[in-house]
Amino acid sequence: MVTVLGTSLVFFTVIYAEKKGWLDKNKVRVIMQVGMNIGIMGSLLYFLYTLSSFLPFL
């Protein structure tokens, strides 16, 4: 729940900053791509951490 609220807060803040003219579309695209990559990497690391509790040799 906290993750969803935090993500939506960041998303709507970026939209607000773009509408105000503080960010251009290229910066917004970079922010979104970096955020998605960090999210995917975090999910994979969490998956490996969870998997290591079932497999002792990892």
C-alpha atoms as a PDB file:
ATOM      1  CA  MET A   1       0.000   0.000   0.000  1.00  0.00           C
ATOM      2  CA  VAL A   2       2.792   2.392   0.917  1.00  0.00           C
ATOM      3  CA  THR A   3       4.662   1.495  -2.266  1.00  0.00           C
ATOM      4  CA  VAL A   4       1.637   2.227  -4.435  1.00  0.00           C
ATOM      5  CA  LEU A   5       1.003   5.548  -2.704  1.00  0.00           C
ATOM      6  CA  GLY A   6       4.661   6.560  -2.949  1.00  0.00           C
ATOM      7  CA  THR A   7       4.871   5.633  -6.609  1.00  0.00           C
ATOM      8  CA  SER A   8       1.688   7.490  -7.476  1.00  0.00           C
ATOM      9  CA  LEU A   9       2.902  10.529  -5.522  1.00  0.00           C
ATOM     10  CA  VAL A  10       6.137  10.609  -7.529  1.00  0.00           C
ATOM     11  CA  PHE A  11       4.228  10.058 -10.776  1.00  0.00           C
ATOM     12  CA  PHE A  12       1.775  12.886 -10.139  1.00  0.00           C
ATOM     13  CA  THR A  13       4.588  15.194  -8.955  1.00  0.00           C
ATOM     14  CA  VAL A  14       6.423  14.632 -12.246  1.00  0.00           C
ATOM     15  CA  ILE A  15       3.200  15.324 -14.175  1.00  0.00           C
ATOM     16  CA  TYR A  16       2.641  18.523 -12.172  1.00  0.00           C
ATOM     17  CA  ALA A  17       6.225  19.686 -12.767  1.00  0.00           C
ATOM     18  CA  GLU A  18       5.867  19.015 -16.492  1.00  0.00           C
ATOM     19  CA  LYS A  19       2.602  20.985 -16.681  1.00  0.00           C
ATOM     20  CA  LYS A  20       4.225  23.929 -14.839  1.00  0.00           C
ATOM     21  CA  GLY A  21       7.116  23.918 -17.295  1.00  0.00           C
ATOM     22  CA  TRP A  22       9.788  22.949 -14.758  1.00  0.00           C
ATOM     23  CA  LEU A  23      10.644  19.790 -16.716  1.00  0.00           C
ATOM     24  CA  ASP A  24      10.670  19.095 -20.423  1.00  0.00           C
ATOM     25  CA  LYS A  25       9.485  15.857 -22.010  1.00  0.00           C
ATOM     26  CA  ASN A  26      12.984  14.429 -22.383  1.00  0.00           C
ATOM     27  CA  LYS A  27      13.724  14.811 -18.674  1.00  0.00           C
ATOM     28  CA  VAL A  28      10.399  13.209 -17.784  1.00  0.00           C
ATOM     29  CA  ARG A  29      11.174  10.299 -20.101  1.00  0.00           C
ATOM     30  CA  VAL A  30      14.588   9.801 -18.491  1.00  0.00           C
ATOM     31  CA  ILE A  31      13.086   9.951 -14.990  1.00  0.00           C
ATOM     32  CA  MET A  32      10.466   7.359 -15.904  1.00  0.00           C
ATOM     33  CA  GLN A  33      12.989   5.027 -17.557  1.00  0.00           C
ATOM     34  CA  VAL A  34      15.406   5.211 -14.628  1.00  0.00           C
ATOM     35  CA  GLY A  35      12.555   4.642 -12.184  1.00  0.00           C
ATOM     36  CA  MET A  36      11.311   1.606 -14.093  1.00  0.00           C
ATOM     37  CA  ASN A  37      14.814   0.154 -14.301  1.00  0.00           C
ATOM     38  CA  ILE A  38      15.354   0.617 -10.558  1.00  0.00           C
ATOM     39  CA  GLY A  39      11.991  -0.995  -9.864  1.00  0.00           C
ATOM     40  CA  ILE A  40      12.785  -3.995 -12.051  1.00  0.00           C
ATOM     41  CA  MET A  41      16.223  -4.389 -10.481  1.00  0.00           C
ATOM     42  CA  GLY A  42      14.760  -4.152  -6.978  1.00  0.00           C
ATOM     43  CA  SER A  43      12.116  -6.749  -7.798  1.00  0.00           C
ATOM     44  CA  LEU A  44      14.733  -9.135  -9.163  1.00  0.00           C
ATOM     45  CA  LEU A  45      16.985  -8.682  -6.132  1.00  0.00           C
ATOM     46  CA  TYR A  46      14.034  -9.275  -3.804  1.00  0.00           C
ATOM     47  CA  PHE A  47      13.122 -12.404  -5.797  1.00  0.00           C
ATOM     48  CA  LEU A  48      16.689 -13.728  -5.469  1.00  0.00           C
ATOM     49  CA  TYR A  49      16.695 -12.939  -1.753  1.00  0.00           C
ATOM     50  CA  THR A  50      13.390 -14.800  -1.310  1.00  0.00           C
ATOM     51  CA  LEU A  51      14.645 -17.687  -3.421  1.00  0.00           C
ATOM     52  CA  SER A  52      17.813 -17.966  -1.337  1.00  0.00           C
ATOM     53  CA  SER A  53      15.736 -18.727   1.761  1.00  0.00           C
ATOM     54  CA  PHE A  54      14.411 -21.849  -0.016  1.00  0.00           C
ATOM     55  CA  LEU A  55      17.692 -22.871  -1.605  1.00  0.00           C
ATOM     56  CA  PRO A  56      20.579 -22.824   0.893  1.00  0.00           C
ATOM     57  CA  PHE A  57      23.330 -22.949  -1.753  1.00  0.00           C
ATOM     58  CA  LEU A  58      22.535 -19.466  -3.183  1.00  0.00           C
END
